Amino acid sequence: MLIPDHIQGLIFDCDGTLVDTPPLYARAWMDALRPFDATPELDWFRPRTGLSEHLLMDEVDAHFGTTLPRDEVIRLLRHSVLTNLHTLQEIGTVTAIARQHHGQRRLAVASSGPAAIVNATLTATGLADLFDEIVTIDDVPTPKPAPDLFLEAAKRLNITPDRCLVFEDSPQGLEAASRAGMMVIDINNLELP
């Protein structure tokens, strides 16, 4: 992929952009919600891909008109994800871009996921060493669509936002990158293998 010359940093979302995690997360949410008799249809999760755990919990509570024990649900969710990391596949078209520019430009990950999951995901798929910085929801006060994750990634890369290019898959992430003043590529418009 041809990247404009003025771009010094590439910032990648993790879930659904670098790694095909949405199916894993949907199953993990189903596993975590089952003990509380709060399991929406699997398709219910599709438009919510990219939401942080707490924003998705807000939607679950609203959908069921209840308040579930958030900490316990998230603990079960994370356990299911970590147990099944071996099933993950990278998204080849996007990871090829990261590999192509590794060592040529500064690279970061900016994810609404928690550090424990994001780092484990990148390690399990062999992608962790490609990135100079990894920023997660644990590092900023507000998840996407707020621009915080991308602005923090740019700050850590020591690159101004206008010299960063973001790769994203979710509406929340695309909005966050735009709000950060960065160029953004919707990976849904790339030809994926």
N, C-alpha and C. Protein backbone atom coordinates (compact mmCIF):
# COMPACT_ATOMS: atom_id res chain seq x y z
N MET A 1 0.84 -1.18 0.00
CA MET A 1 0.00 0.00 0.00
C MET A 1 0.88 1.24 0.00
N LEU A 2 0.53 2.19 -0.82
CA LEU A 2 1.27 3.44 -0.91
C LEU A 2 0.77 4.40 0.16
N ILE A 3 1.66 4.80 1.04
CA ILE A 3 1.34 5.72 2.13
C ILE A 3 1.90 7.09 1.77
N PRO A 4 1.14 8.16 1.94
CA PRO A 4 1.66 9.50 1.63
C PRO A 4 2.98 9.79 2.35
N ASP A 5 3.87 10.51 1.68
CA ASP A 5 5.20 10.77 2.22
C ASP A 5 5.19 11.49 3.56
N HIS A 6 4.21 12.36 3.79
CA HIS A 6 4.20 13.14 5.03
C HIS A 6 3.81 12.31 6.25
N ILE A 7 3.29 11.12 6.04
CA ILE A 7 2.86 10.26 7.15
C ILE A 7 4.09 9.62 7.79
N GLN A 8 4.25 9.86 9.09
CA GLN A 8 5.38 9.32 9.84
C GLN A 8 4.99 8.16 10.75
N GLY A 9 3.70 8.10 11.12
CA GLY A 9 3.25 7.07 12.03
C GLY A 9 1.99 6.37 11.55
N LEU A 10 1.96 5.07 11.72
CA LEU A 10 0.78 4.27 11.40
C LEU A 10 0.22 3.74 12.71
N ILE A 11 -1.08 3.95 12.91
CA ILE A 11 -1.73 3.50 14.14
C ILE A 11 -2.84 2.53 13.76
N PHE A 12 -2.80 1.36 14.38
CA PHE A 12 -3.74 0.29 14.05
C PHE A 12 -4.63 -0.02 15.24
N ASP A 13 -5.93 -0.13 14.98
CA ASP A 13 -6.82 -0.74 15.95
C ASP A 13 -6.41 -2.22 16.01
N CYS A 14 -6.76 -2.90 17.08
CA CYS A 14 -6.41 -4.32 17.19
C CYS A 14 -7.58 -5.22 16.76
N ASP A 15 -8.65 -5.19 17.54
CA ASP A 15 -9.77 -6.11 17.33
C ASP A 15 -10.54 -5.78 16.06
N GLY A 16 -10.57 -6.72 15.15
CA GLY A 16 -11.28 -6.54 13.89
C GLY A 16 -10.48 -5.82 12.83
N THR A 17 -9.29 -5.35 13.19
CA THR A 17 -8.42 -4.66 12.24
C THR A 17 -7.15 -5.46 12.00
N LEU A 18 -6.39 -5.72 13.05
CA LEU A 18 -5.20 -6.56 12.94
C LEU A 18 -5.54 -8.04 13.09
N VAL A 19 -6.50 -8.32 13.96
CA VAL A 19 -6.83 -9.70 14.32
C VAL A 19 -8.34 -9.89 14.24
N ASP A 20 -8.77 -11.02 13.72
CA ASP A 20 -10.19 -11.32 13.55
C ASP A 20 -10.79 -11.78 14.87
N THR A 21 -10.94 -10.83 15.80
CA THR A 21 -11.45 -11.14 17.13
C THR A 21 -12.96 -11.04 17.28
N PRO A 22 -13.71 -10.34 16.41
CA PRO A 22 -15.15 -10.23 16.67
C PRO A 22 -15.88 -11.56 16.91
N PRO A 23 -15.62 -12.62 16.14
CA PRO A 23 -16.31 -13.88 16.46
C PRO A 23 -15.92 -14.42 17.85
N LEU A 24 -14.64 -14.29 18.20
CA LEU A 24 -14.19 -14.75 19.52
C LEU A 24 -14.88 -13.95 20.63
N TYR A 25 -14.94 -12.64 20.46
CA TYR A 25 -15.58 -11.80 21.47
C TYR A 25 -17.07 -12.07 21.58
N ALA A 26 -17.75 -12.26 20.46
CA ALA A 26 -19.19 -12.54 20.52
C ALA A 26 -19.45 -13.82 21.31
N ARG A 27 -18.65 -14.87 21.04
CA ARG A 27 -18.81 -16.12 21.79
C ARG A 27 -18.48 -15.92 23.27
N ALA A 28 -17.43 -15.12 23.55
CA ALA A 28 -17.03 -14.88 24.94
C ALA A 28 -18.12 -14.10 25.69
N TRP A 29 -18.73 -13.12 25.01
CA TRP A 29 -19.83 -12.39 25.65
C TRP A 29 -20.99 -13.34 25.94
N MET A 30 -21.29 -14.21 24.99
CA MET A 30 -22.37 -15.17 25.22
C MET A 30 -22.05 -16.06 26.43
N ASP A 31 -20.80 -16.54 26.51
CA ASP A 31 -20.38 -17.36 27.66
C ASP A 31 -20.52 -16.59 28.97
N ALA A 32 -20.11 -15.32 28.95
CA ALA A 32 -20.10 -14.50 30.18
C ALA A 32 -21.52 -14.13 30.62
N LEU A 33 -22.43 -13.97 29.68
CA LEU A 33 -23.79 -13.54 30.02
C LEU A 33 -24.73 -14.71 30.33
N ARG A 34 -24.37 -15.90 29.85
CA ARG A 34 -25.24 -17.07 30.03
C ARG A 34 -25.61 -17.32 31.49
N PRO A 35 -24.67 -17.26 32.45
CA PRO A 35 -25.06 -17.52 33.84
C PRO A 35 -26.10 -16.55 34.40
N PHE A 36 -26.28 -15.43 33.72
CA PHE A 36 -27.22 -14.41 34.20
C PHE A 36 -28.50 -14.37 33.37
N ASP A 37 -28.69 -15.41 32.54
CA ASP A 37 -29.86 -15.49 31.66
C ASP A 37 -30.04 -14.22 30.84
N ALA A 38 -28.94 -13.71 30.34
CA ALA A 38 -28.97 -12.47 29.57
C ALA A 38 -28.16 -12.65 28.29
N THR A 39 -28.63 -13.54 27.43
CA THR A 39 -27.88 -13.79 26.19
C THR A 39 -28.69 -13.35 24.98
N PRO A 40 -28.32 -12.21 24.41
CA PRO A 40 -28.97 -11.79 23.17
C PRO A 40 -28.55 -12.71 22.02
N GLU A 41 -29.22 -12.57 20.91
CA GLU A 41 -28.83 -13.32 19.72
C GLU A 41 -27.40 -12.96 19.34
N LEU A 42 -26.68 -13.90 18.76
CA LEU A 42 -25.29 -13.66 18.38
C LEU A 42 -25.16 -12.45 17.45
N ASP A 43 -26.10 -12.26 16.55
CA ASP A 43 -26.05 -11.12 15.63
C ASP A 43 -26.17 -9.77 16.33
N TRP A 44 -26.69 -9.76 17.56
CA TRP A 44 -26.83 -8.53 18.32
C TRP A 44 -25.47 -7.86 18.54
N PHE A 45 -24.41 -8.65 18.61
CA PHE A 45 -23.07 -8.13 18.89
C PHE A 45 -22.42 -7.46 17.68
N ARG A 46 -22.81 -7.86 16.48
CA ARG A 46 -22.13 -7.37 15.26
C ARG A 46 -22.05 -5.84 15.19
N PRO A 47 -23.15 -5.10 15.34
CA PRO A 47 -23.03 -3.64 15.24
C PRO A 47 -22.33 -3.01 16.45
N ARG A 48 -22.05 -3.80 17.46
CA ARG A 48 -21.42 -3.28 18.67
C ARG A 48 -19.93 -3.61 18.73
N THR A 49 -19.42 -4.20 17.66
CA THR A 49 -17.99 -4.48 17.58
C THR A 49 -17.25 -3.15 17.71
N GLY A 50 -16.24 -3.13 18.53
CA GLY A 50 -15.47 -1.91 18.70
C GLY A 50 -15.81 -1.16 19.97
N LEU A 51 -16.91 -1.53 20.63
CA LEU A 51 -17.24 -0.87 21.89
C LEU A 51 -16.34 -1.42 23.00
N SER A 52 -15.98 -0.56 23.94
CA SER A 52 -15.23 -1.03 25.11
C SER A 52 -16.13 -1.92 25.95
N GLU A 53 -15.54 -2.68 26.85
CA GLU A 53 -16.31 -3.60 27.69
C GLU A 53 -17.43 -2.87 28.44
N HIS A 54 -17.10 -1.72 29.02
CA HIS A 54 -18.08 -1.02 29.83
C HIS A 54 -19.20 -0.40 28.98
N LEU A 55 -18.87 0.10 27.79
CA LEU A 55 -19.92 0.62 26.91
C LEU A 55 -20.83 -0.52 26.45
N LEU A 56 -20.25 -1.69 26.17
CA LEU A 56 -21.08 -2.81 25.76
C LEU A 56 -21.95 -3.29 26.93
N MET A 57 -21.39 -3.26 28.14
CA MET A 57 -22.19 -3.63 29.31
C MET A 57 -23.37 -2.67 29.48
N ASP A 58 -23.15 -1.38 29.22
CA ASP A 58 -24.26 -0.41 29.27
C ASP A 58 -25.37 -0.83 28.32
N GLU A 59 -24.97 -1.27 27.11
CA GLU A 59 -25.97 -1.68 26.11
C GLU A 59 -26.66 -2.98 26.51
N VAL A 60 -25.92 -3.90 27.11
CA VAL A 60 -26.53 -5.15 27.59
C VAL A 60 -27.57 -4.84 28.66
N ASP A 61 -27.18 -4.00 29.63
CA ASP A 61 -28.11 -3.64 30.70
C ASP A 61 -29.36 -2.98 30.13
N ALA A 62 -29.17 -2.07 29.17
CA ALA A 62 -30.32 -1.39 28.56
C ALA A 62 -31.20 -2.38 27.79
N HIS A 63 -30.56 -3.29 27.07
CA HIS A 63 -31.30 -4.28 26.26
C HIS A 63 -32.18 -5.17 27.13
N PHE A 64 -31.63 -5.58 28.29
CA PHE A 64 -32.38 -6.49 29.16
C PHE A 64 -33.14 -5.75 30.27
N GLY A 65 -32.98 -4.42 30.36
CA GLY A 65 -33.65 -3.66 31.40
C GLY A 65 -33.25 -4.08 32.80
N THR A 66 -31.95 -4.31 32.96
CA THR A 66 -31.45 -4.80 34.25
C THR A 66 -30.08 -4.18 34.52
N THR A 67 -29.53 -4.50 35.66
CA THR A 67 -28.15 -4.13 35.96
C THR A 67 -27.43 -5.40 36.38
N LEU A 68 -26.62 -5.91 35.48
CA LEU A 68 -25.89 -7.15 35.76
C LEU A 68 -24.63 -6.85 36.58
N PRO A 69 -24.10 -7.86 37.27
CA PRO A 69 -22.86 -7.64 38.04
C PRO A 69 -21.67 -7.46 37.09
N ARG A 70 -21.41 -6.23 36.77
CA ARG A 70 -20.44 -5.85 35.72
C ARG A 70 -19.08 -6.50 35.92
N ASP A 71 -18.53 -6.41 37.10
CA ASP A 71 -17.18 -6.95 37.33
C ASP A 71 -17.14 -8.46 37.08
N GLU A 72 -18.18 -9.16 37.49
CA GLU A 72 -18.22 -10.62 37.29
C GLU A 72 -18.38 -10.96 35.82
N VAL A 73 -19.24 -10.25 35.11
CA VAL A 73 -19.43 -10.51 33.68
C VAL A 73 -18.12 -10.26 32.93
N ILE A 74 -17.45 -9.17 33.24
CA ILE A 74 -16.19 -8.85 32.55
C ILE A 74 -15.11 -9.86 32.90
N ARG A 75 -15.09 -10.34 34.15
CA ARG A 75 -14.13 -11.38 34.53
C ARG A 75 -14.36 -12.64 33.70
N LEU A 76 -15.62 -13.05 33.57
CA LEU A 76 -15.95 -14.24 32.77
C LEU A 76 -15.62 -14.02 31.30
N LEU A 77 -15.92 -12.83 30.79
CA LEU A 77 -15.61 -12.49 29.40
C LEU A 77 -14.12 -12.64 29.13
N ARG A 78 -13.31 -12.00 29.96
CA ARG A 78 -11.85 -12.04 29.75
C ARG A 78 -11.30 -13.45 29.87
N HIS A 79 -11.84 -14.22 30.79
CA HIS A 79 -11.39 -15.61 30.92
C HIS A 79 -11.67 -16.38 29.64
N SER A 80 -12.86 -16.22 29.09
CA SER A 80 -13.21 -16.91 27.85
C SER A 80 -12.31 -16.48 26.70
N VAL A 81 -12.06 -15.18 26.57
CA VAL A 81 -11.19 -14.68 25.50
C VAL A 81 -9.79 -15.26 25.65
N LEU A 82 -9.21 -15.16 26.83
CA LEU A 82 -7.83 -15.63 27.05
C LEU A 82 -7.71 -17.14 26.83
N THR A 83 -8.75 -17.87 27.18
CA THR A 83 -8.74 -19.33 27.01
C THR A 83 -8.75 -19.72 25.53
N ASN A 84 -9.30 -18.85 24.69
CA ASN A 84 -9.49 -19.21 23.29
C ASN A 84 -8.63 -18.41 22.31
N LEU A 85 -7.58 -17.77 22.80
CA LEU A 85 -6.70 -16.98 21.92
C LEU A 85 -6.07 -17.83 20.82
N HIS A 86 -5.91 -19.11 21.07
CA HIS A 86 -5.28 -20.00 20.08
C HIS A 86 -6.11 -20.11 18.80
N THR A 87 -7.37 -19.68 18.84
CA THR A 87 -8.23 -19.77 17.66
C THR A 87 -8.12 -18.55 16.75
N LEU A 88 -7.41 -17.52 17.19
CA LEU A 88 -7.36 -16.26 16.44
C LEU A 88 -6.52 -16.34 15.17
N GLN A 89 -6.97 -15.57 14.19
CA GLN A 89 -6.24 -15.42 12.93
C GLN A 89 -6.00 -13.93 12.71
N GLU A 90 -4.83 -13.60 12.17
CA GLU A 90 -4.58 -12.21 11.83
C GLU A 90 -5.33 -11.88 10.55
N ILE A 91 -5.57 -10.59 10.33
CA ILE A 91 -6.20 -10.12 9.10
C ILE A 91 -5.06 -9.74 8.16
N GLY A 92 -4.77 -10.65 7.23
CA GLY A 92 -3.56 -10.61 6.42
C GLY A 92 -3.31 -9.33 5.65
N THR A 93 -4.34 -8.75 5.09
CA THR A 93 -4.16 -7.53 4.30
C THR A 93 -3.63 -6.40 5.19
N VAL A 94 -4.13 -6.32 6.41
CA VAL A 94 -3.73 -5.24 7.32
C VAL A 94 -2.38 -5.55 7.94
N THR A 95 -2.17 -6.78 8.38
CA THR A 95 -0.88 -7.10 8.99
C THR A 95 0.25 -7.02 7.97
N ALA A 96 -0.05 -7.25 6.70
CA ALA A 96 0.97 -7.09 5.65
C ALA A 96 1.42 -5.64 5.56
N ILE A 97 0.50 -4.69 5.76
CA ILE A 97 0.84 -3.27 5.75
C ILE A 97 1.75 -2.96 6.94
N ALA A 98 1.40 -3.49 8.09
CA ALA A 98 2.24 -3.26 9.28
C ALA A 98 3.64 -3.84 9.06
N ARG A 99 3.71 -5.04 8.54
CA ARG A 99 5.03 -5.65 8.29
C ARG A 99 5.83 -4.86 7.25
N GLN A 100 5.15 -4.39 6.22
CA GLN A 100 5.82 -3.64 5.15
C GLN A 100 6.45 -2.35 5.70
N HIS A 101 5.79 -1.71 6.67
CA HIS A 101 6.26 -0.42 7.16
C HIS A 101 7.02 -0.51 8.48
N HIS A 102 7.11 -1.72 9.05
CA HIS A 102 7.89 -1.92 10.27
C HIS A 102 9.34 -1.53 10.00
N GLY A 103 9.88 -0.67 10.84
CA GLY A 103 11.26 -0.22 10.66
C GLY A 103 11.39 0.96 9.71
N GLN A 104 10.33 1.26 8.95
CA GLN A 104 10.33 2.40 8.03
C GLN A 104 9.60 3.60 8.63
N ARG A 105 8.55 3.31 9.36
CA ARG A 105 7.75 4.32 10.04
C ARG A 105 7.52 3.84 11.46
N ARG A 106 7.09 4.74 12.33
CA ARG A 106 6.74 4.35 13.70
C ARG A 106 5.33 3.74 13.67
N LEU A 107 5.15 2.65 14.39
CA LEU A 107 3.88 1.92 14.40
C LEU A 107 3.34 1.80 15.82
N ALA A 108 2.03 1.94 15.95
CA ALA A 108 1.38 1.79 17.25
C ALA A 108 0.07 1.05 17.09
N VAL A 109 -0.38 0.49 18.20
CA VAL A 109 -1.72 -0.07 18.32
C VAL A 109 -2.48 0.84 19.26
N ALA A 110 -3.74 1.15 18.93
CA ALA A 110 -4.62 1.93 19.80
C ALA A 110 -5.95 1.18 19.89
N SER A 111 -6.19 0.53 21.03
CA SER A 111 -7.33 -0.37 21.17
C SER A 111 -8.19 0.00 22.37
N SER A 112 -9.51 -0.14 22.20
CA SER A 112 -10.44 0.05 23.31
C SER A 112 -10.46 -1.15 24.24
N GLY A 113 -9.67 -2.16 23.93
CA GLY A 113 -9.59 -3.33 24.79
C GLY A 113 -8.66 -3.10 25.96
N PRO A 114 -8.77 -3.93 27.01
CA PRO A 114 -7.87 -3.82 28.16
C PRO A 114 -6.47 -4.34 27.80
N ALA A 115 -5.47 -3.80 28.47
CA ALA A 115 -4.07 -4.16 28.18
C ALA A 115 -3.84 -5.67 28.25
N ALA A 116 -4.39 -6.33 29.26
CA ALA A 116 -4.15 -7.77 29.42
C ALA A 116 -4.60 -8.55 28.20
N ILE A 117 -5.73 -8.18 27.63
CA ILE A 117 -6.26 -8.89 26.46
C ILE A 117 -5.52 -8.48 25.20
N VAL A 118 -5.31 -7.19 25.01
CA VAL A 118 -4.64 -6.71 23.79
C VAL A 118 -3.22 -7.27 23.70
N ASN A 119 -2.47 -7.18 24.79
CA ASN A 119 -1.09 -7.70 24.76
C ASN A 119 -1.07 -9.20 24.53
N ALA A 120 -1.98 -9.93 25.16
CA ALA A 120 -2.04 -11.38 24.97
C ALA A 120 -2.42 -11.73 23.53
N THR A 121 -3.34 -10.96 22.95
CA THR A 121 -3.76 -11.17 21.56
C THR A 121 -2.59 -10.96 20.60
N LEU A 122 -1.89 -9.85 20.77
CA LEU A 122 -0.76 -9.54 19.88
C LEU A 122 0.37 -10.55 20.04
N THR A 123 0.58 -11.01 21.25
CA THR A 123 1.63 -12.02 21.49
C THR A 123 1.22 -13.36 20.88
N ALA A 124 -0.04 -13.77 21.10
CA ALA A 124 -0.51 -15.06 20.59
C ALA A 124 -0.46 -15.14 19.07
N THR A 125 -0.64 -14.01 18.40
CA THR A 125 -0.63 -13.99 16.94
C THR A 125 0.75 -13.62 16.36
N GLY A 126 1.72 -13.38 17.23
CA GLY A 126 3.07 -13.07 16.78
C GLY A 126 3.22 -11.66 16.21
N LEU A 127 2.32 -10.76 16.56
CA LEU A 127 2.35 -9.41 16.01
C LEU A 127 2.98 -8.38 16.95
N ALA A 128 3.14 -8.69 18.21
CA ALA A 128 3.55 -7.70 19.21
C ALA A 128 4.84 -6.97 18.84
N ASP A 129 5.81 -7.68 18.30
CA ASP A 129 7.12 -7.08 18.01
C ASP A 129 7.10 -6.08 16.86
N LEU A 130 6.00 -6.00 16.12
CA LEU A 130 5.92 -5.03 15.02
C LEU A 130 5.73 -3.60 15.51
N PHE A 131 5.25 -3.44 16.75
CA PHE A 131 4.78 -2.13 17.20
C PHE A 131 5.70 -1.47 18.21
N ASP A 132 5.89 -0.16 18.00
CA ASP A 132 6.70 0.64 18.92
C ASP A 132 5.94 0.96 20.19
N GLU A 133 4.63 1.12 20.07
CA GLU A 133 3.79 1.48 21.22
C GLU A 133 2.47 0.73 21.14
N ILE A 134 1.94 0.37 22.31
CA ILE A 134 0.62 -0.25 22.41
C ILE A 134 -0.16 0.53 23.45
N VAL A 135 -1.26 1.14 23.01
CA VAL A 135 -2.10 1.96 23.87
C VAL A 135 -3.45 1.26 24.00
N THR A 136 -3.93 1.12 25.23
CA THR A 136 -5.21 0.45 25.47
C THR A 136 -6.11 1.35 26.31
N ILE A 137 -7.32 0.88 26.52
CA ILE A 137 -8.29 1.63 27.32
C ILE A 137 -7.75 1.87 28.73
N ASP A 138 -6.82 1.07 29.18
CA ASP A 138 -6.24 1.27 30.52
C ASP A 138 -5.37 2.52 30.58
N ASP A 139 -5.03 3.09 29.43
CA ASP A 139 -4.11 4.24 29.37
C ASP A 139 -4.81 5.58 29.20
N VAL A 140 -6.10 5.58 28.96
CA VAL A 140 -6.81 6.84 28.68
C VAL A 140 -8.14 6.88 29.45
N PRO A 141 -8.69 8.09 29.65
CA PRO A 141 -9.92 8.18 30.43
C PRO A 141 -11.19 7.81 29.67
N THR A 142 -11.17 7.94 28.33
CA THR A 142 -12.40 7.78 27.56
C THR A 142 -12.18 6.90 26.34
N PRO A 143 -13.07 5.91 26.10
CA PRO A 143 -12.92 5.02 24.95
C PRO A 143 -13.37 5.69 23.65
N LYS A 144 -13.11 5.03 22.54
CA LYS A 144 -13.63 5.46 21.25
C LYS A 144 -15.15 5.51 21.36
N PRO A 145 -15.82 6.50 20.80
CA PRO A 145 -15.40 7.39 19.73
C PRO A 145 -14.64 8.65 20.17
N ALA A 146 -14.33 8.78 21.45
CA ALA A 146 -13.46 9.89 21.86
C ALA A 146 -12.09 9.68 21.21
N PRO A 147 -11.36 10.74 20.93
CA PRO A 147 -10.07 10.63 20.24
C PRO A 147 -8.89 10.24 21.13
N ASP A 148 -9.15 10.05 22.42
CA ASP A 148 -8.07 9.89 23.41
C ASP A 148 -7.03 8.81 23.07
N LEU A 149 -7.50 7.63 22.65
CA LEU A 149 -6.57 6.54 22.34
C LEU A 149 -5.61 6.92 21.22
N PHE A 150 -6.12 7.53 20.18
CA PHE A 150 -5.27 7.89 19.04
C PHE A 150 -4.34 9.05 19.39
N LEU A 151 -4.84 9.99 20.15
CA LEU A 151 -3.98 11.11 20.55
C LEU A 151 -2.85 10.63 21.47
N GLU A 152 -3.16 9.70 22.36
CA GLU A 152 -2.12 9.14 23.23
C GLU A 152 -1.10 8.35 22.42
N ALA A 153 -1.55 7.61 21.43
CA ALA A 153 -0.61 6.86 20.57
C ALA A 153 0.32 7.82 19.84
N ALA A 154 -0.23 8.89 19.27
CA ALA A 154 0.60 9.88 18.56
C ALA A 154 1.61 10.52 19.51
N LYS A 155 1.14 10.84 20.71
CA LYS A 155 2.03 11.44 21.72
C LYS A 155 3.19 10.49 22.04
N ARG A 156 2.88 9.22 22.24
CA ARG A 156 3.94 8.24 22.56
C ARG A 156 4.89 8.02 21.39
N LEU A 157 4.36 8.12 20.18
CA LEU A 157 5.21 7.99 18.99
C LEU A 157 6.01 9.27 18.73
N ASN A 158 5.64 10.36 19.43
CA ASN A 158 6.26 11.67 19.25
C ASN A 158 6.05 12.20 17.84
N ILE A 159 4.80 12.04 17.37
CA ILE A 159 4.41 12.47 16.02
C ILE A 159 3.11 13.26 16.14
N THR A 160 3.00 14.37 15.43
CA THR A 160 1.78 15.15 15.47
C THR A 160 0.64 14.38 14.79
N PRO A 161 -0.59 14.58 15.26
CA PRO A 161 -1.73 13.83 14.70
C PRO A 161 -1.87 13.94 13.18
N ASP A 162 -1.54 15.10 12.62
CA ASP A 162 -1.71 15.27 11.17
C ASP A 162 -0.69 14.47 10.36
N ARG A 163 0.26 13.86 11.04
CA ARG A 163 1.26 13.01 10.37
C ARG A 163 1.07 11.53 10.69
N CYS A 164 -0.14 11.22 11.20
CA CYS A 164 -0.49 9.83 11.52
C CYS A 164 -1.61 9.33 10.61
N LEU A 165 -1.54 8.07 10.28
CA LEU A 165 -2.57 7.39 9.50
C LEU A 165 -3.10 6.23 10.33
N VAL A 166 -4.41 6.18 10.49
CA VAL A 166 -5.06 5.17 11.32
C VAL A 166 -5.73 4.13 10.43
N PHE A 167 -5.65 2.87 10.87
CA PHE A 167 -6.36 1.76 10.24
C PHE A 167 -7.40 1.28 11.25
N GLU A 168 -8.67 1.29 10.85
CA GLU A 168 -9.79 1.00 11.75
C GLU A 168 -10.87 0.20 11.04
N ASP A 169 -11.71 -0.47 11.84
CA ASP A 169 -12.82 -1.23 11.25
C ASP A 169 -14.17 -0.82 11.79
N SER A 170 -14.24 -0.14 12.93
CA SER A 170 -15.53 0.14 13.54
C SER A 170 -15.95 1.59 13.38
N PRO A 171 -17.25 1.85 13.38
CA PRO A 171 -17.73 3.24 13.30
C PRO A 171 -17.17 4.11 14.42
N GLN A 172 -17.08 3.54 15.64
CA GLN A 172 -16.56 4.30 16.77
C GLN A 172 -15.09 4.66 16.56
N GLY A 173 -14.32 3.73 16.03
CA GLY A 173 -12.91 3.97 15.78
C GLY A 173 -12.67 4.95 14.66
N LEU A 174 -13.47 4.85 13.61
CA LEU A 174 -13.35 5.79 12.48
C LEU A 174 -13.65 7.21 12.95
N GLU A 175 -14.68 7.35 13.78
CA GLU A 175 -15.02 8.66 14.32
C GLU A 175 -13.91 9.18 15.23
N ALA A 176 -13.37 8.30 16.07
CA ALA A 176 -12.30 8.71 16.99
C ALA A 176 -11.08 9.21 16.23
N ALA A 177 -10.69 8.51 15.17
CA ALA A 177 -9.52 8.91 14.38
C ALA A 177 -9.76 10.26 13.73
N SER A 178 -10.95 10.46 13.19
CA SER A 178 -11.29 11.74 12.57
C SER A 178 -11.27 12.86 13.61
N ARG A 179 -11.82 12.59 14.78
CA ARG A 179 -11.84 13.59 15.85
C ARG A 179 -10.42 13.90 16.34
N ALA A 180 -9.50 12.96 16.18
CA ALA A 180 -8.10 13.19 16.56
C ALA A 180 -7.35 14.00 15.51
N GLY A 181 -7.99 14.26 14.37
CA GLY A 181 -7.34 15.02 13.30
C GLY A 181 -6.37 14.20 12.47
N MET A 182 -6.64 12.90 12.39
CA MET A 182 -5.76 11.98 11.67
C MET A 182 -6.43 11.48 10.40
N MET A 183 -5.61 11.17 9.40
CA MET A 183 -6.13 10.45 8.24
C MET A 183 -6.53 9.06 8.72
N VAL A 184 -7.57 8.50 8.11
CA VAL A 184 -8.03 7.18 8.54
C VAL A 184 -8.44 6.36 7.33
N ILE A 185 -8.11 5.08 7.39
CA ILE A 185 -8.52 4.12 6.38
C ILE A 185 -9.47 3.12 7.02
N ASP A 186 -10.66 3.00 6.45
CA ASP A 186 -11.63 2.00 6.88
C ASP A 186 -11.21 0.67 6.25
N ILE A 187 -10.74 -0.26 7.06
CA ILE A 187 -10.24 -1.51 6.49
C ILE A 187 -11.34 -2.33 5.84
N ASN A 188 -12.60 -1.99 6.12
CA ASN A 188 -13.71 -2.68 5.46
C ASN A 188 -13.74 -2.39 3.97
N ASN A 189 -13.02 -1.35 3.56
CA ASN A 189 -12.95 -0.99 2.15
C ASN A 189 -11.70 -1.54 1.47
N LEU A 190 -10.84 -2.22 2.23
CA LEU A 190 -9.66 -2.86 1.64
C LEU A 190 -10.07 -4.23 1.14
N GLU A 191 -9.35 -4.73 0.18
CA GLU A 191 -9.61 -6.11 -0.28
C GLU A 191 -8.92 -7.04 0.69
N LEU A 192 -9.74 -7.73 1.50
CA LEU A 192 -9.21 -8.66 2.49
C LEU A 192 -9.14 -10.06 1.89
N PRO A 193 -8.15 -10.83 2.35
CA PRO A 193 -8.02 -12.18 1.79
C PRO A 193 -9.17 -13.08 2.19
